[in-house]
Amino acid sequence: VAALQEEKSSLMSENEIMNDRIEQLDDSLDDPNTVVAKKYFHAQLQLEQLQEENFRLEAAKDDYRVHCEDLEKQLIELQHRNNELTSLAEESR
């Protein structure tokens, strides 16, 4: 029991130390002059830019997909028309 109480006490003090470190990190993020905060905000800005770029690329991909589908339909129509004209040309001969 004593060993478990000692372990519990040790874990509680370690927990307090970790909580203090978390608070310090949170405080350093709130201060825009710290290196950590600058890196965090820079990373956050990069993330937003990449998300915008991803959205733009997804929209372009969708546009190209629609354009490709239209071109495929035109190709099929032209192939049918070509077949018709070829058969008419053979009949004419």
N, C-alpha and C. Protein backbone atom coordinates (compact mmCIF):
# COMPACT_ATOMS: atom_id res chain seq x y z
N VAL A 1 0.84 -1.20 0.00
CA VAL A 1 0.00 0.00 0.00
C VAL A 1 0.87 1.25 0.00
N ALA A 2 1.94 1.20 0.81
CA ALA A 2 2.84 2.36 0.90
C ALA A 2 3.51 2.61 -0.45
N ALA A 3 3.89 1.55 -1.14
CA ALA A 3 4.54 1.70 -2.44
C ALA A 3 3.57 2.32 -3.44
N LEU A 4 2.31 1.88 -3.39
CA LEU A 4 1.31 2.45 -4.30
C LEU A 4 1.02 3.91 -3.98
N GLN A 5 0.99 4.25 -2.71
CA GLN A 5 0.78 5.65 -2.32
C GLN A 5 1.95 6.51 -2.78
N GLU A 6 3.15 5.99 -2.67
CA GLU A 6 4.34 6.73 -3.11
C GLU A 6 4.31 6.92 -4.63
N GLU A 7 3.92 5.85 -5.34
CA GLU A 7 3.82 5.94 -6.80
C GLU A 7 2.74 6.95 -7.20
N LYS A 8 1.62 6.92 -6.46
CA LYS A 8 0.54 7.87 -6.75
C LYS A 8 1.02 9.29 -6.52
N SER A 9 1.72 9.51 -5.44
CA SER A 9 2.26 10.83 -5.13
C SER A 9 3.23 11.29 -6.21
N SER A 10 4.08 10.38 -6.66
CA SER A 10 5.06 10.68 -7.71
C SER A 10 4.34 11.04 -9.00
N LEU A 11 3.32 10.27 -9.35
CA LEU A 11 2.57 10.55 -10.58
C LEU A 11 1.80 11.87 -10.49
N MET A 12 1.29 12.18 -9.33
CA MET A 12 0.57 13.44 -9.16
C MET A 12 1.51 14.63 -9.31
N SER A 13 2.73 14.51 -8.74
CA SER A 13 3.69 15.62 -8.88
C SER A 13 4.14 15.74 -10.33
N GLU A 14 4.33 14.61 -11.01
CA GLU A 14 4.70 14.64 -12.43
C GLU A 14 3.58 15.27 -13.26
N ASN A 15 2.36 14.96 -12.90
CA ASN A 15 1.20 15.52 -13.57
C ASN A 15 1.16 17.04 -13.40
N GLU A 16 1.44 17.52 -12.19
CA GLU A 16 1.49 18.96 -11.95
C GLU A 16 2.57 19.63 -12.79
N ILE A 17 3.73 18.99 -12.86
CA ILE A 17 4.83 19.54 -13.65
C ILE A 17 4.42 19.63 -15.12
N MET A 18 3.79 18.58 -15.62
CA MET A 18 3.35 18.58 -17.03
C MET A 18 2.29 19.65 -17.27
N ASN A 19 1.37 19.81 -16.33
CA ASN A 19 0.35 20.85 -16.46
C ASN A 19 0.97 22.24 -16.47
N ASP A 20 1.99 22.44 -15.64
CA ASP A 20 2.70 23.73 -15.63
C ASP A 20 3.37 23.98 -16.97
N ARG A 21 3.97 22.93 -17.54
CA ARG A 21 4.63 23.09 -18.84
C ARG A 21 3.61 23.41 -19.93
N ILE A 22 2.45 22.77 -19.86
CA ILE A 22 1.40 23.06 -20.84
C ILE A 22 0.96 24.51 -20.72
N GLU A 23 0.78 24.99 -19.48
CA GLU A 23 0.39 26.38 -19.29
C GLU A 23 1.46 27.33 -19.83
N GLN A 24 2.73 27.00 -19.61
CA GLN A 24 3.80 27.84 -20.13
C GLN A 24 3.78 27.88 -21.65
N LEU A 25 3.56 26.71 -22.27
CA LEU A 25 3.48 26.68 -23.73
C LEU A 25 2.29 27.47 -24.24
N ASP A 26 1.15 27.34 -23.54
CA ASP A 26 -0.03 28.12 -23.93
C ASP A 26 0.26 29.61 -23.81
N ASP A 27 0.93 30.00 -22.73
CA ASP A 27 1.27 31.41 -22.54
C ASP A 27 2.23 31.89 -23.62
N SER A 28 3.18 31.02 -24.00
CA SER A 28 4.15 31.42 -25.03
C SER A 28 3.48 31.56 -26.38
N LEU A 29 2.41 30.79 -26.63
CA LEU A 29 1.68 30.93 -27.89
C LEU A 29 0.87 32.22 -27.91
N ASP A 30 0.42 32.67 -26.74
CA ASP A 30 -0.35 33.89 -26.68
C ASP A 30 0.51 35.13 -26.90
N ASP A 31 1.80 35.04 -26.57
CA ASP A 31 2.72 36.16 -26.77
C ASP A 31 3.28 36.07 -28.19
N PRO A 32 2.88 37.02 -29.07
CA PRO A 32 3.30 36.92 -30.47
C PRO A 32 4.79 37.15 -30.70
N ASN A 33 5.53 37.53 -29.68
CA ASN A 33 6.96 37.82 -29.85
C ASN A 33 7.85 36.60 -29.61
N THR A 34 7.31 35.52 -29.10
CA THR A 34 8.15 34.36 -28.83
C THR A 34 8.39 33.58 -30.11
N VAL A 35 9.48 32.86 -30.14
CA VAL A 35 9.85 32.06 -31.31
C VAL A 35 8.81 30.98 -31.57
N VAL A 36 8.35 30.36 -30.49
CA VAL A 36 7.35 29.30 -30.63
C VAL A 36 6.08 29.86 -31.25
N ALA A 37 5.65 31.01 -30.77
CA ALA A 37 4.42 31.62 -31.29
C ALA A 37 4.58 32.00 -32.76
N LYS A 38 5.75 32.54 -33.09
CA LYS A 38 5.99 32.93 -34.49
C LYS A 38 5.95 31.70 -35.39
N LYS A 39 6.58 30.61 -34.96
CA LYS A 39 6.56 29.37 -35.75
C LYS A 39 5.15 28.82 -35.85
N TYR A 40 4.41 28.89 -34.74
CA TYR A 40 3.04 28.39 -34.73
C TYR A 40 2.17 29.18 -35.70
N PHE A 41 2.25 30.51 -35.64
CA PHE A 41 1.43 31.33 -36.52
C PHE A 41 1.86 31.17 -37.97
N HIS A 42 3.15 31.00 -38.19
CA HIS A 42 3.64 30.77 -39.56
C HIS A 42 3.11 29.43 -40.09
N ALA A 43 3.15 28.42 -39.26
CA ALA A 43 2.63 27.11 -39.66
C ALA A 43 1.13 27.18 -39.90
N GLN A 44 0.44 27.93 -39.06
CA GLN A 44 -1.00 28.09 -39.23
C GLN A 44 -1.31 28.81 -40.54
N LEU A 45 -0.53 29.84 -40.87
CA LEU A 45 -0.71 30.57 -42.12
C LEU A 45 -0.44 29.65 -43.32
N GLN A 46 0.61 28.87 -43.22
CA GLN A 46 0.93 27.92 -44.30
C GLN A 46 -0.20 26.91 -44.48
N LEU A 47 -0.74 26.43 -43.38
CA LEU A 47 -1.85 25.48 -43.44
C LEU A 47 -3.05 26.09 -44.15
N GLU A 48 -3.39 27.33 -43.81
CA GLU A 48 -4.51 28.00 -44.45
C GLU A 48 -4.25 28.19 -45.95
N GLN A 49 -3.02 28.58 -46.30
CA GLN A 49 -2.69 28.77 -47.71
C GLN A 49 -2.78 27.44 -48.46
N LEU A 50 -2.30 26.38 -47.85
CA LEU A 50 -2.36 25.07 -48.50
C LEU A 50 -3.80 24.58 -48.63
N GLN A 51 -4.63 24.88 -47.65
CA GLN A 51 -6.03 24.50 -47.75
C GLN A 51 -6.72 25.25 -48.89
N GLU A 52 -6.40 26.55 -49.02
CA GLU A 52 -6.96 27.34 -50.11
C GLU A 52 -6.48 26.81 -51.46
N GLU A 53 -5.19 26.50 -51.54
CA GLU A 53 -4.63 25.95 -52.78
C GLU A 53 -5.29 24.60 -53.10
N ASN A 54 -5.48 23.78 -52.10
CA ASN A 54 -6.13 22.48 -52.29
C ASN A 54 -7.56 22.67 -52.80
N PHE A 55 -8.29 23.63 -52.23
CA PHE A 55 -9.65 23.90 -52.66
C PHE A 55 -9.66 24.36 -54.12
N ARG A 56 -8.71 25.24 -54.46
CA ARG A 56 -8.63 25.75 -55.83
C ARG A 56 -8.32 24.61 -56.81
N LEU A 57 -7.40 23.74 -56.43
CA LEU A 57 -7.04 22.62 -57.29
C LEU A 57 -8.18 21.62 -57.44
N GLU A 58 -8.93 21.40 -56.36
CA GLU A 58 -10.08 20.51 -56.44
C GLU A 58 -11.13 21.07 -57.39
N ALA A 59 -11.35 22.39 -57.33
CA ALA A 59 -12.32 23.02 -58.22
C ALA A 59 -11.85 22.91 -59.67
N ALA A 60 -10.56 23.13 -59.90
CA ALA A 60 -10.01 23.01 -61.26
C ALA A 60 -10.13 21.57 -61.75
N LYS A 61 -9.88 20.62 -60.87
CA LYS A 61 -10.00 19.20 -61.24
C LYS A 61 -11.42 18.88 -61.68
N ASP A 62 -12.40 19.40 -60.92
CA ASP A 62 -13.80 19.17 -61.27
C ASP A 62 -14.13 19.81 -62.62
N ASP A 63 -13.61 21.01 -62.85
CA ASP A 63 -13.84 21.68 -64.14
C ASP A 63 -13.25 20.86 -65.28
N TYR A 64 -12.03 20.36 -65.08
CA TYR A 64 -11.39 19.55 -66.12
C TYR A 64 -12.13 18.23 -66.35
N ARG A 65 -12.67 17.67 -65.29
CA ARG A 65 -13.42 16.43 -65.43
C ARG A 65 -14.65 16.66 -66.31
N VAL A 66 -15.37 17.75 -66.05
CA VAL A 66 -16.55 18.08 -66.85
C VAL A 66 -16.15 18.32 -68.30
N HIS A 67 -15.06 19.06 -68.49
CA HIS A 67 -14.58 19.35 -69.85
C HIS A 67 -14.19 18.05 -70.57
N CYS A 68 -13.54 17.17 -69.86
CA CYS A 68 -13.13 15.88 -70.43
C CYS A 68 -14.35 15.05 -70.82
N GLU A 69 -15.37 15.04 -69.98
CA GLU A 69 -16.59 14.31 -70.31
C GLU A 69 -17.25 14.87 -71.56
N ASP A 70 -17.26 16.21 -71.68
CA ASP A 70 -17.81 16.84 -72.88
C ASP A 70 -17.02 16.44 -74.13
N LEU A 71 -15.69 16.44 -74.00
CA LEU A 71 -14.85 16.06 -75.13
C LEU A 71 -15.06 14.59 -75.51
N GLU A 72 -15.25 13.74 -74.53
CA GLU A 72 -15.50 12.32 -74.82
C GLU A 72 -16.83 12.15 -75.56
N LYS A 73 -17.84 12.91 -75.16
CA LYS A 73 -19.13 12.85 -75.85
C LYS A 73 -18.98 13.32 -77.30
N GLN A 74 -18.23 14.41 -77.48
CA GLN A 74 -17.99 14.91 -78.84
C GLN A 74 -17.24 13.88 -79.68
N LEU A 75 -16.26 13.23 -79.07
CA LEU A 75 -15.48 12.21 -79.78
C LEU A 75 -16.39 11.07 -80.24
N ILE A 76 -17.25 10.61 -79.36
CA ILE A 76 -18.17 9.52 -79.73
C ILE A 76 -19.08 9.96 -80.86
N GLU A 77 -19.62 11.19 -80.77
CA GLU A 77 -20.48 11.70 -81.83
C GLU A 77 -19.73 11.79 -83.15
N LEU A 78 -18.50 12.28 -83.10
CA LEU A 78 -17.71 12.41 -84.32
C LEU A 78 -17.34 11.05 -84.90
N GLN A 79 -17.09 10.08 -84.04
CA GLN A 79 -16.80 8.73 -84.53
C GLN A 79 -18.03 8.13 -85.24
N HIS A 80 -19.20 8.35 -84.66
CA HIS A 80 -20.42 7.87 -85.30
C HIS A 80 -20.63 8.58 -86.64
N ARG A 81 -20.42 9.86 -86.63
CA ARG A 81 -20.58 10.63 -87.88
C ARG A 81 -19.58 10.17 -88.93
N ASN A 82 -18.35 9.91 -88.50
CA ASN A 82 -17.32 9.42 -89.41
C ASN A 82 -17.72 8.07 -90.01
N ASN A 83 -18.24 7.19 -89.15
CA ASN A 83 -18.70 5.88 -89.63
C ASN A 83 -19.82 6.03 -90.66
N GLU A 84 -20.75 6.92 -90.38
CA GLU A 84 -21.84 7.16 -91.31
C GLU A 84 -21.32 7.67 -92.66
N LEU A 85 -20.42 8.65 -92.57
CA LEU A 85 -19.88 9.22 -93.81
C LEU A 85 -19.04 8.20 -94.58
N THR A 86 -18.33 7.35 -93.84
CA THR A 86 -17.53 6.31 -94.50
C THR A 86 -18.44 5.33 -95.22
N SER A 87 -19.52 4.93 -94.58
CA SER A 87 -20.44 3.99 -95.23
C SER A 87 -21.12 4.65 -96.42
N LEU A 88 -21.45 5.92 -96.32
CA LEU A 88 -22.05 6.64 -97.46
C LEU A 88 -21.04 6.75 -98.62
N ALA A 89 -19.77 6.98 -98.29
CA ALA A 89 -18.76 7.08 -99.31
C ALA A 89 -18.59 5.75 -100.02
N GLU A 90 -18.63 4.65 -99.25
CA GLU A 90 -18.51 3.32 -99.86
C GLU A 90 -19.70 3.02 -100.75
N GLU A 91 -20.89 3.43 -100.33
CA GLU A 91 -22.09 3.24 -101.17
C GLU A 91 -21.98 4.04 -102.45
N SER A 92 -21.43 5.23 -102.35
CA SER A 92 -21.29 6.08 -103.54
C SER A 92 -20.35 5.46 -104.54
N ARG A 93 -19.31 4.81 -104.04
CA ARG A 93 -18.34 4.18 -104.95
C ARG A 93 -19.01 3.05 -105.67
